[in-house]
Amino acid sequence: IGYLVGAEVERARLENENAQLAGRLE
């Protein structure tokens, strides 16, 4: 499961970071 979900966790983390960054910029 750790192998299977790794890419999705990383994608969601990066999207979350981008959303937070956009929020801070606004």
mmCIF file of all heavy atoms, coordinates in Angstrom:
data_MODEL
# 
_entry.id   MODEL 
# 
loop_
_atom_site.group_PDB 
_atom_site.id 
_atom_site.type_symbol 
_atom_site.label_atom_id 
_atom_site.label_alt_id 
_atom_site.label_comp_id 
_atom_site.label_asym_id 
_atom_site.label_entity_id 
_atom_site.label_seq_id 
_atom_site.pdbx_PDB_ins_code 
_atom_site.Cartn_x 
_atom_site.Cartn_y 
_atom_site.Cartn_z 
_atom_site.occupancy 
_atom_site.B_iso_or_equiv 
_atom_site.pdbx_formal_charge 
_atom_site.auth_seq_id 
_atom_site.auth_comp_id 
_atom_site.auth_asym_id 
_atom_site.auth_atom_id 
_atom_site.pdbx_PDB_model_num 
ATOM 1   N N   . ILE A 1 1  ? 0.842  -1.201 0.000  1.00 0.00 ? 1  ILE A N   1 
ATOM 2   C CA  . ILE A 1 1  ? 0.000  0.000  0.000  1.00 0.00 ? 1  ILE A CA  1 
ATOM 3   C C   . ILE A 1 1  ? 0.875  1.248  0.000  1.00 0.00 ? 1  ILE A C   1 
ATOM 4   O O   . ILE A 1 1  ? 0.592  2.241  -0.674 1.00 0.00 ? 1  ILE A O   1 
ATOM 5   C CB  . ILE A 1 1  ? -0.949 -0.013 1.216  1.00 0.00 ? 1  ILE A CB  1 
ATOM 6   C CG1 . ILE A 1 1  ? -1.982 -1.137 1.048  1.00 0.00 ? 1  ILE A CG1 1 
ATOM 7   C CG2 . ILE A 1 1  ? -1.654 1.331  1.369  1.00 0.00 ? 1  ILE A CG2 1 
ATOM 8   C CD1 . ILE A 1 1  ? -2.868 -1.344 2.255  1.00 0.00 ? 1  ILE A CD1 1 
ATOM 9   N N   . GLY A 1 2  ? 1.982  1.196  0.772  1.00 0.00 ? 2  GLY A N   1 
ATOM 10  C CA  . GLY A 1 2  ? 2.911  2.320  0.804  1.00 0.00 ? 2  GLY A CA  1 
ATOM 11  C C   . GLY A 1 2  ? 3.459  2.656  -0.567 1.00 0.00 ? 2  GLY A C   1 
ATOM 12  O O   . GLY A 1 2  ? 3.634  3.831  -0.919 1.00 0.00 ? 2  GLY A O   1 
ATOM 13  N N   . TYR A 1 3  ? 3.741  1.616  -1.375 1.00 0.00 ? 3  TYR A N   1 
ATOM 14  C CA  . TYR A 1 3  ? 4.204  1.854  -2.752 1.00 0.00 ? 3  TYR A CA  1 
ATOM 15  C C   . TYR A 1 3  ? 3.079  2.433  -3.620 1.00 0.00 ? 3  TYR A C   1 
ATOM 16  O O   . TYR A 1 3  ? 3.280  3.357  -4.402 1.00 0.00 ? 3  TYR A O   1 
ATOM 17  C CB  . TYR A 1 3  ? 4.672  0.536  -3.381 1.00 0.00 ? 3  TYR A CB  1 
ATOM 18  C CG  . TYR A 1 3  ? 6.029  0.082  -2.906 1.00 0.00 ? 3  TYR A CG  1 
ATOM 19  C CD1 . TYR A 1 3  ? 6.158  -1.035 -2.084 1.00 0.00 ? 3  TYR A CD1 1 
ATOM 20  C CD2 . TYR A 1 3  ? 7.198  0.745  -3.288 1.00 0.00 ? 3  TYR A CD2 1 
ATOM 21  C CE1 . TYR A 1 3  ? 7.398  -1.469 -1.643 1.00 0.00 ? 3  TYR A CE1 1 
ATOM 22  C CE2 . TYR A 1 3  ? 8.439  0.326  -2.848 1.00 0.00 ? 3  TYR A CE2 1 
ATOM 23  C CZ  . TYR A 1 3  ? 8.534  -0.785 -2.029 1.00 0.00 ? 3  TYR A CZ  1 
ATOM 24  O OH  . TYR A 1 3  ? 9.764  -1.208 -1.595 1.00 0.00 ? 3  TYR A OH  1 
ATOM 25  N N   . LEU A 1 4  ? 1.869  1.866  -3.463 1.00 0.00 ? 4  LEU A N   1 
ATOM 26  C CA  . LEU A 1 4  ? 0.763  2.239  -4.344 1.00 0.00 ? 4  LEU A CA  1 
ATOM 27  C C   . LEU A 1 4  ? 0.280  3.673  -4.120 1.00 0.00 ? 4  LEU A C   1 
ATOM 28  O O   . LEU A 1 4  ? -0.121 4.361  -5.068 1.00 0.00 ? 4  LEU A O   1 
ATOM 29  C CB  . LEU A 1 4  ? -0.417 1.272  -4.151 1.00 0.00 ? 4  LEU A CB  1 
ATOM 30  C CG  . LEU A 1 4  ? -0.205 -0.164 -4.651 1.00 0.00 ? 4  LEU A CG  1 
ATOM 31  C CD1 . LEU A 1 4  ? -1.373 -1.040 -4.231 1.00 0.00 ? 4  LEU A CD1 1 
ATOM 32  C CD2 . LEU A 1 4  ? -0.056 -0.179 -6.173 1.00 0.00 ? 4  LEU A CD2 1 
ATOM 33  N N   . VAL A 1 5  ? 0.298  4.118  -2.861 1.00 0.00 ? 5  VAL A N   1 
ATOM 34  C CA  . VAL A 1 5  ? -0.294 5.429  -2.563 1.00 0.00 ? 5  VAL A CA  1 
ATOM 35  C C   . VAL A 1 5  ? 0.733  6.564  -2.597 1.00 0.00 ? 5  VAL A C   1 
ATOM 36  O O   . VAL A 1 5  ? 0.354  7.742  -2.518 1.00 0.00 ? 5  VAL A O   1 
ATOM 37  C CB  . VAL A 1 5  ? -0.987 5.435  -1.178 1.00 0.00 ? 5  VAL A CB  1 
ATOM 38  C CG1 . VAL A 1 5  ? -2.029 4.347  -1.107 1.00 0.00 ? 5  VAL A CG1 1 
ATOM 39  C CG2 . VAL A 1 5  ? 0.036  5.297  -0.043 1.00 0.00 ? 5  VAL A CG2 1 
ATOM 40  N N   . GLY A 1 6  ? 2.016  6.227  -2.733 1.00 0.00 ? 6  GLY A N   1 
ATOM 41  C CA  . GLY A 1 6  ? 3.057  7.246  -2.660 1.00 0.00 ? 6  GLY A CA  1 
ATOM 42  C C   . GLY A 1 6  ? 2.873  8.397  -3.627 1.00 0.00 ? 6  GLY A C   1 
ATOM 43  O O   . GLY A 1 6  ? 2.965  9.577  -3.249 1.00 0.00 ? 6  GLY A O   1 
ATOM 44  N N   . ALA A 1 7  ? 2.624  8.080  -4.889 1.00 0.00 ? 7  ALA A N   1 
ATOM 45  C CA  . ALA A 1 7  ? 2.487  9.129  -5.907 1.00 0.00 ? 7  ALA A CA  1 
ATOM 46  C C   . ALA A 1 7  ? 1.279  10.021 -5.622 1.00 0.00 ? 7  ALA A C   1 
ATOM 47  O O   . ALA A 1 7  ? 1.336  11.244 -5.789 1.00 0.00 ? 7  ALA A O   1 
ATOM 48  C CB  . ALA A 1 7  ? 2.358  8.501  -7.291 1.00 0.00 ? 7  ALA A CB  1 
ATOM 49  N N   . GLU A 1 8  ? 0.181  9.412  -5.176 1.00 0.00 ? 8  GLU A N   1 
ATOM 50  C CA  . GLU A 1 8  ? -1.024 10.196 -4.896 1.00 0.00 ? 8  GLU A CA  1 
ATOM 51  C C   . GLU A 1 8  ? -0.819 11.102 -3.682 1.00 0.00 ? 8  GLU A C   1 
ATOM 52  O O   . GLU A 1 8  ? -1.268 12.246 -3.664 1.00 0.00 ? 8  GLU A O   1 
ATOM 53  C CB  . GLU A 1 8  ? -2.212 9.256  -4.664 1.00 0.00 ? 8  GLU A CB  1 
ATOM 54  C CG  . GLU A 1 8  ? -3.539 9.960  -4.450 1.00 0.00 ? 8  GLU A CG  1 
ATOM 55  C CD  . GLU A 1 8  ? -3.975 10.764 -5.661 1.00 0.00 ? 8  GLU A CD  1 
ATOM 56  O OE1 . GLU A 1 8  ? -3.481 10.517 -6.774 1.00 0.00 ? 8  GLU A OE1 1 
ATOM 57  O OE2 . GLU A 1 8  ? -4.820 11.667 -5.476 1.00 0.00 ? 8  GLU A OE2 1 
ATOM 58  N N   . VAL A 1 9  ? -0.134 10.589 -2.656 1.00 0.00 ? 9  VAL A N   1 
ATOM 59  C CA  . VAL A 1 9  ? 0.157  11.414 -1.477 1.00 0.00 ? 9  VAL A CA  1 
ATOM 60  C C   . VAL A 1 9  ? 1.020  12.607 -1.865 1.00 0.00 ? 9  VAL A C   1 
ATOM 61  O O   . VAL A 1 9  ? 0.774  13.744 -1.458 1.00 0.00 ? 9  VAL A O   1 
ATOM 62  C CB  . VAL A 1 9  ? 0.860  10.579 -0.384 1.00 0.00 ? 9  VAL A CB  1 
ATOM 63  C CG1 . VAL A 1 9  ? 1.402  11.479 0.726  1.00 0.00 ? 9  VAL A CG1 1 
ATOM 64  C CG2 . VAL A 1 9  ? -0.104 9.560  0.199  1.00 0.00 ? 9  VAL A CG2 1 
ATOM 65  N N   . GLU A 1 10 ? 2.038  12.359 -2.685 1.00 0.00 ? 10 GLU A N   1 
ATOM 66  C CA  . GLU A 1 10 ? 2.934  13.441 -3.095 1.00 0.00 ? 10 GLU A CA  1 
ATOM 67  C C   . GLU A 1 10 ? 2.188  14.459 -3.960 1.00 0.00 ? 10 GLU A C   1 
ATOM 68  O O   . GLU A 1 10 ? 2.377  15.673 -3.812 1.00 0.00 ? 10 GLU A O   1 
ATOM 69  C CB  . GLU A 1 10 ? 4.125  12.861 -3.866 1.00 0.00 ? 10 GLU A CB  1 
ATOM 70  C CG  . GLU A 1 10 ? 5.164  13.881 -4.300 1.00 0.00 ? 10 GLU A CG  1 
ATOM 71  C CD  . GLU A 1 10 ? 5.904  14.546 -3.146 1.00 0.00 ? 10 GLU A CD  1 
ATOM 72  O OE1 . GLU A 1 10 ? 5.616  14.219 -1.975 1.00 0.00 ? 10 GLU A OE1 1 
ATOM 73  O OE2 . GLU A 1 10 ? 6.763  15.409 -3.419 1.00 0.00 ? 10 GLU A OE2 1 
ATOM 74  N N   . ARG A 1 11 ? 1.320  13.969 -4.852 1.00 0.00 ? 11 ARG A N   1 
ATOM 75  C CA  . ARG A 1 11 ? 0.529  14.892 -5.691 1.00 0.00 ? 11 ARG A CA  1 
ATOM 76  C C   . ARG A 1 11 ? -0.361 15.768 -4.824 1.00 0.00 ? 11 ARG A C   1 
ATOM 77  O O   . ARG A 1 11 ? -0.408 16.998 -4.989 1.00 0.00 ? 11 ARG A O   1 
ATOM 78  C CB  . ARG A 1 11 ? -0.341 14.096 -6.671 1.00 0.00 ? 11 ARG A CB  1 
ATOM 79  C CG  . ARG A 1 11 ? -1.236 14.996 -7.540 1.00 0.00 ? 11 ARG A CG  1 
ATOM 80  C CD  . ARG A 1 11 ? -2.422 14.248 -8.093 1.00 0.00 ? 11 ARG A CD  1 
ATOM 81  N NE  . ARG A 1 11 ? -3.330 13.814 -7.051 1.00 0.00 ? 11 ARG A NE  1 
ATOM 82  C CZ  . ARG A 1 11 ? -4.197 14.620 -6.435 1.00 0.00 ? 11 ARG A CZ  1 
ATOM 83  N NH1 . ARG A 1 11 ? -4.244 15.901 -6.728 1.00 0.00 ? 11 ARG A NH1 1 
ATOM 84  N NH2 . ARG A 1 11 ? -4.995 14.140 -5.498 1.00 0.00 ? 11 ARG A NH2 1 
ATOM 85  N N   . ALA A 1 12 ? -1.064 15.138 -3.877 1.00 0.00 ? 12 ALA A N   1 
ATOM 86  C CA  . ALA A 1 12 ? -1.968 15.899 -3.011 1.00 0.00 ? 12 ALA A CA  1 
ATOM 87  C C   . ALA A 1 12 ? -1.189 16.895 -2.147 1.00 0.00 ? 12 ALA A C   1 
ATOM 88  O O   . ALA A 1 12 ? -1.647 18.014 -1.912 1.00 0.00 ? 12 ALA A O   1 
ATOM 89  C CB  . ALA A 1 12 ? -2.764 14.939 -2.129 1.00 0.00 ? 12 ALA A CB  1 
ATOM 90  N N   . ARG A 1 13 ? -0.010 16.485 -1.686 1.00 0.00 ? 13 ARG A N   1 
ATOM 91  C CA  . ARG A 1 13 ? 0.805  17.383 -0.864 1.00 0.00 ? 13 ARG A CA  1 
ATOM 92  C C   . ARG A 1 13 ? 1.228  18.619 -1.662 1.00 0.00 ? 13 ARG A C   1 
ATOM 93  O O   . ARG A 1 13 ? 1.151  19.755 -1.173 1.00 0.00 ? 13 ARG A O   1 
ATOM 94  C CB  . ARG A 1 13 ? 2.039  16.659 -0.339 1.00 0.00 ? 13 ARG A CB  1 
ATOM 95  C CG  . ARG A 1 13 ? 2.891  17.492 0.618  1.00 0.00 ? 13 ARG A CG  1 
ATOM 96  C CD  . ARG A 1 13 ? 4.193  16.789 0.960  1.00 0.00 ? 13 ARG A CD  1 
ATOM 97  N NE  . ARG A 1 13 ? 5.100  16.728 -0.183 1.00 0.00 ? 13 ARG A NE  1 
ATOM 98  C CZ  . ARG A 1 13 ? 5.882  17.724 -0.556 1.00 0.00 ? 13 ARG A CZ  1 
ATOM 99  N NH1 . ARG A 1 13 ? 5.869  18.889 0.089  1.00 0.00 ? 13 ARG A NH1 1 
ATOM 100 N NH2 . ARG A 1 13 ? 6.688  17.601 -1.607 1.00 0.00 ? 13 ARG A NH2 1 
ATOM 101 N N   . LEU A 1 14 ? 1.679  18.391 -2.899 1.00 0.00 ? 14 LEU A N   1 
ATOM 102 C CA  . LEU A 1 14 ? 2.117  19.514 -3.732 1.00 0.00 ? 14 LEU A CA  1 
ATOM 103 C C   . LEU A 1 14 ? 0.946  20.441 -4.062 1.00 0.00 ? 14 LEU A C   1 
ATOM 104 O O   . LEU A 1 14 ? 1.091  21.671 -4.058 1.00 0.00 ? 14 LEU A O   1 
ATOM 105 C CB  . LEU A 1 14 ? 2.762  18.980 -5.019 1.00 0.00 ? 14 LEU A CB  1 
ATOM 106 C CG  . LEU A 1 14 ? 4.112  18.271 -4.825 1.00 0.00 ? 14 LEU A CG  1 
ATOM 107 C CD1 . LEU A 1 14 ? 4.568  17.639 -6.133 1.00 0.00 ? 14 LEU A CD1 1 
ATOM 108 C CD2 . LEU A 1 14 ? 5.168  19.240 -4.303 1.00 0.00 ? 14 LEU A CD2 1 
ATOM 109 N N   . GLU A 1 15 ? -0.214 19.864 -4.351 1.00 0.00 ? 15 GLU A N   1 
ATOM 110 C CA  . GLU A 1 15 ? -1.385 20.695 -4.633 1.00 0.00 ? 15 GLU A CA  1 
ATOM 111 C C   . GLU A 1 15 ? -1.777 21.513 -3.401 1.00 0.00 ? 15 GLU A C   1 
ATOM 112 O O   . GLU A 1 15 ? -2.167 22.671 -3.509 1.00 0.00 ? 15 GLU A O   1 
ATOM 113 C CB  . GLU A 1 15 ? -2.566 19.814 -5.073 1.00 0.00 ? 15 GLU A CB  1 
ATOM 114 C CG  . GLU A 1 15 ? -2.434 19.294 -6.494 1.00 0.00 ? 15 GLU A CG  1 
ATOM 115 C CD  . GLU A 1 15 ? -3.711 18.639 -6.982 1.00 0.00 ? 15 GLU A CD  1 
ATOM 116 O OE1 . GLU A 1 15 ? -4.688 18.600 -6.196 1.00 0.00 ? 15 GLU A OE1 1 
ATOM 117 O OE2 . GLU A 1 15 ? -3.736 18.171 -8.127 1.00 0.00 ? 15 GLU A OE2 1 
ATOM 118 N N   . ASN A 1 16 ? -1.672 20.884 -2.225 1.00 0.00 ? 16 ASN A N   1 
ATOM 119 C CA  . ASN A 1 16 ? -1.982 21.586 -0.985 1.00 0.00 ? 16 ASN A CA  1 
ATOM 120 C C   . ASN A 1 16 ? -1.007 22.739 -0.758 1.00 0.00 ? 16 ASN A C   1 
ATOM 121 O O   . ASN A 1 16 ? -1.402 23.840 -0.374 1.00 0.00 ? 16 ASN A O   1 
ATOM 122 C CB  . ASN A 1 16 ? -1.923 20.603 0.186  1.00 0.00 ? 16 ASN A CB  1 
ATOM 123 C CG  . ASN A 1 16 ? -2.402 21.211 1.487  1.00 0.00 ? 16 ASN A CG  1 
ATOM 124 O OD1 . ASN A 1 16 ? -3.531 21.682 1.569  1.00 0.00 ? 16 ASN A OD1 1 
ATOM 125 N ND2 . ASN A 1 16 ? -1.545 21.207 2.507  1.00 0.00 ? 16 ASN A ND2 1 
ATOM 126 N N   . GLU A 1 17 ? 0.274  22.485 -1.032 1.00 0.00 ? 17 GLU A N   1 
ATOM 127 C CA  . GLU A 1 17 ? 1.285  23.531 -0.901 1.00 0.00 ? 17 GLU A CA  1 
ATOM 128 C C   . GLU A 1 17 ? 1.002  24.691 -1.854 1.00 0.00 ? 17 GLU A C   1 
ATOM 129 O O   . GLU A 1 17 ? 1.115  25.860 -1.489 1.00 0.00 ? 17 GLU A O   1 
ATOM 130 C CB  . GLU A 1 17 ? 2.684  22.960 -1.181 1.00 0.00 ? 17 GLU A CB  1 
ATOM 131 C CG  . GLU A 1 17 ? 3.330  22.301 0.009  1.00 0.00 ? 17 GLU A CG  1 
ATOM 132 C CD  . GLU A 1 17 ? 4.782  21.941 -0.260 1.00 0.00 ? 17 GLU A CD  1 
ATOM 133 O OE1 . GLU A 1 17 ? 5.300  22.298 -1.344 1.00 0.00 ? 17 GLU A OE1 1 
ATOM 134 O OE2 . GLU A 1 17 ? 5.404  21.309 0.599  1.00 0.00 ? 17 GLU A OE2 1 
ATOM 135 N N   . ASN A 1 18 ? 0.652  24.331 -3.100 1.00 0.00 ? 18 ASN A N   1 
ATOM 136 C CA  . ASN A 1 18 ? 0.350  25.369 -4.087 1.00 0.00 ? 18 ASN A CA  1 
ATOM 137 C C   . ASN A 1 18 ? -0.858 26.202 -3.672 1.00 0.00 ? 18 ASN A C   1 
ATOM 138 O O   . ASN A 1 18 ? -0.871 27.430 -3.832 1.00 0.00 ? 18 ASN A O   1 
ATOM 139 C CB  . ASN A 1 18 ? 0.095  24.737 -5.462 1.00 0.00 ? 18 ASN A CB  1 
ATOM 140 C CG  . ASN A 1 18 ? 1.367  24.175 -6.077 1.00 0.00 ? 18 ASN A CG  1 
ATOM 141 O OD1 . ASN A 1 18 ? 2.468  24.607 -5.732 1.00 0.00 ? 18 ASN A OD1 1 
ATOM 142 N ND2 . ASN A 1 18 ? 1.230  23.221 -6.973 1.00 0.00 ? 18 ASN A ND2 1 
ATOM 143 N N   . ALA A 1 19 ? -1.879 25.513 -3.130 1.00 0.00 ? 19 ALA A N   1 
ATOM 144 C CA  . ALA A 1 19 ? -3.080 26.231 -2.687 1.00 0.00 ? 19 ALA A CA  1 
ATOM 145 C C   . ALA A 1 19 ? -2.746 27.169 -1.533 1.00 0.00 ? 19 ALA A C   1 
ATOM 146 O O   . ALA A 1 19 ? -3.226 28.308 -1.474 1.00 0.00 ? 19 ALA A O   1 
ATOM 147 C CB  . ALA A 1 19 ? -4.162 25.235 -2.272 1.00 0.00 ? 19 ALA A CB  1 
ATOM 148 N N   . GLN A 1 20 ? -1.911 26.692 -0.603 1.00 0.00 ? 20 GLN A N   1 
ATOM 149 C CA  . GLN A 1 20 ? -1.527 27.538 0.528  1.00 0.00 ? 20 GLN A CA  1 
ATOM 150 C C   . GLN A 1 20 ? -0.707 28.730 0.058  1.00 0.00 ? 20 GLN A C   1 
ATOM 151 O O   . GLN A 1 20 ? -0.871 29.852 0.553  1.00 0.00 ? 20 GLN A O   1 
ATOM 152 C CB  . GLN A 1 20 ? -0.742 26.715 1.552  1.00 0.00 ? 20 GLN A CB  1 
ATOM 153 C CG  . GLN A 1 20 ? -1.586 25.696 2.305  1.00 0.00 ? 20 GLN A CG  1 
ATOM 154 C CD  . GLN A 1 20 ? -0.766 24.900 3.306  1.00 0.00 ? 20 GLN A CD  1 
ATOM 155 O OE1 . GLN A 1 20 ? 0.467  24.864 3.230  1.00 0.00 ? 20 GLN A OE1 1 
ATOM 156 N NE2 . GLN A 1 20 ? -1.434 24.253 4.241  1.00 0.00 ? 20 GLN A NE2 1 
ATOM 157 N N   . LEU A 1 21 ? 0.191  28.474 -0.887 1.00 0.00 ? 21 LEU A N   1 
ATOM 158 C CA  . LEU A 1 21 ? 1.016  29.551 -1.426 1.00 0.00 ? 21 LEU A CA  1 
ATOM 159 C C   . LEU A 1 21 ? 0.151  30.601 -2.121 1.00 0.00 ? 21 LEU A C   1 
ATOM 160 O O   . LEU A 1 21 ? 0.337  31.803 -1.927 1.00 0.00 ? 21 LEU A O   1 
ATOM 161 C CB  . LEU A 1 21 ? 2.051  28.979 -2.410 1.00 0.00 ? 21 LEU A CB  1 
ATOM 162 C CG  . LEU A 1 21 ? 2.971  30.016 -3.082 1.00 0.00 ? 21 LEU A CG  1 
ATOM 163 C CD1 . LEU A 1 21 ? 3.782  30.771 -2.032 1.00 0.00 ? 21 LEU A CD1 1 
ATOM 164 C CD2 . LEU A 1 21 ? 3.899  29.320 -4.084 1.00 0.00 ? 21 LEU A CD2 1 
ATOM 165 N N   . ALA A 1 22 ? -0.824 30.110 -2.915 1.00 0.00 ? 22 ALA A N   1 
ATOM 166 C CA  . ALA A 1 22 ? -1.725 31.042 -3.597 1.00 0.00 ? 22 ALA A CA  1 
ATOM 167 C C   . ALA A 1 22 ? -2.517 31.863 -2.584 1.00 0.00 ? 22 ALA A C   1 
ATOM 168 O O   . ALA A 1 22 ? -2.727 33.068 -2.755 1.00 0.00 ? 22 ALA A O   1 
ATOM 169 C CB  . ALA A 1 22 ? -2.675 30.270 -4.516 1.00 0.00 ? 22 ALA A CB  1 
ATOM 170 N N   . GLY A 1 23 ? -2.953 31.187 -1.502 1.00 0.00 ? 23 GLY A N   1 
ATOM 171 C CA  . GLY A 1 23 ? -3.687 31.887 -0.459 1.00 0.00 ? 23 GLY A CA  1 
ATOM 172 C C   . GLY A 1 23 ? -2.838 32.952 0.217  1.00 0.00 ? 23 GLY A C   1 
ATOM 173 O O   . GLY A 1 23 ? -3.314 34.059 0.501  1.00 0.00 ? 23 GLY A O   1 
ATOM 174 N N   . ARG A 1 24 ? -1.568 32.624 0.486  1.00 0.00 ? 24 ARG A N   1 
ATOM 175 C CA  . ARG A 1 24 ? -0.673 33.599 1.118  1.00 0.00 ? 24 ARG A CA  1 
ATOM 176 C C   . ARG A 1 24 ? -0.421 34.789 0.199  1.00 0.00 ? 24 ARG A C   1 
ATOM 177 O O   . ARG A 1 24 ? -0.334 35.939 0.648  1.00 0.00 ? 24 ARG A O   1 
ATOM 178 C CB  . ARG A 1 24 ? 0.647  32.922 1.502  1.00 0.00 ? 24 ARG A CB  1 
ATOM 179 C CG  . ARG A 1 24 ? 0.536  32.002 2.709  1.00 0.00 ? 24 ARG A CG  1 
ATOM 180 C CD  . ARG A 1 24 ? 1.912  31.678 3.265  1.00 0.00 ? 24 ARG A CD  1 
ATOM 181 N NE  . ARG A 1 24 ? 2.708  30.887 2.351  1.00 0.00 ? 24 ARG A NE  1 
ATOM 182 C CZ  . ARG A 1 24 ? 2.739  29.550 2.328  1.00 0.00 ? 24 ARG A CZ  1 
ATOM 183 N NH1 . ARG A 1 24 ? 1.971  28.878 3.179  1.00 0.00 ? 24 ARG A NH1 1 
ATOM 184 N NH2 . ARG A 1 24 ? 3.493  28.903 1.477  1.00 0.00 ? 24 ARG A NH2 1 
ATOM 185 N N   . LEU A 1 25 ? -0.300 34.515 -1.112 1.00 0.00 ? 25 LEU A N   1 
ATOM 186 C CA  . LEU A 1 25 ? -0.083 35.606 -2.061 1.00 0.00 ? 25 LEU A CA  1 
ATOM 187 C C   . LEU A 1 25 ? -1.287 36.536 -2.118 1.00 0.00 ? 25 LEU A C   1 
ATOM 188 O O   . LEU A 1 25 ? -1.150 37.761 -2.153 1.00 0.00 ? 25 LEU A O   1 
ATOM 189 C CB  . LEU A 1 25 ? 0.220  35.037 -3.455 1.00 0.00 ? 25 LEU A CB  1 
ATOM 190 C CG  . LEU A 1 25 ? 1.592  34.370 -3.626 1.00 0.00 ? 25 LEU A CG  1 
ATOM 191 C CD1 . LEU A 1 25 ? 1.682  33.700 -4.983 1.00 0.00 ? 25 LEU A CD1 1 
ATOM 192 C CD2 . LEU A 1 25 ? 2.712  35.396 -3.459 1.00 0.00 ? 25 LEU A CD2 1 
ATOM 193 N N   . GLU A 1 26 ? -2.474 35.946 -2.139 1.00 0.00 ? 26 GLU A N   1 
ATOM 194 C CA  . GLU A 1 26 ? -3.690 36.756 -2.157 1.00 0.00 ? 26 GLU A CA  1 
ATOM 195 C C   . GLU A 1 26 ? -3.806 37.579 -0.881 1.00 0.00 ? 26 GLU A C   1 
ATOM 196 O O   . GLU A 1 26 ? -4.213 38.745 -0.907 1.00 0.00 ? 26 GLU A O   1 
ATOM 197 C CB  . GLU A 1 26 ? -4.921 35.854 -2.311 1.00 0.00 ? 26 GLU A CB  1 
ATOM 198 C CG  . GLU A 1 26 ? -5.083 35.251 -3.696 1.00 0.00 ? 26 GLU A CG  1 
ATOM 199 C CD  . GLU A 1 26 ? -5.208 36.317 -4.778 1.00 0.00 ? 26 GLU A CD  1 
ATOM 200 O OE1 . GLU A 1 26 ? -5.968 37.291 -4.568 1.00 0.00 ? 26 GLU A OE1 1 
ATOM 201 O OE2 . GLU A 1 26 ? -4.530 36.195 -5.812 1.00 0.00 ? 26 GLU A OE2 1 
# 
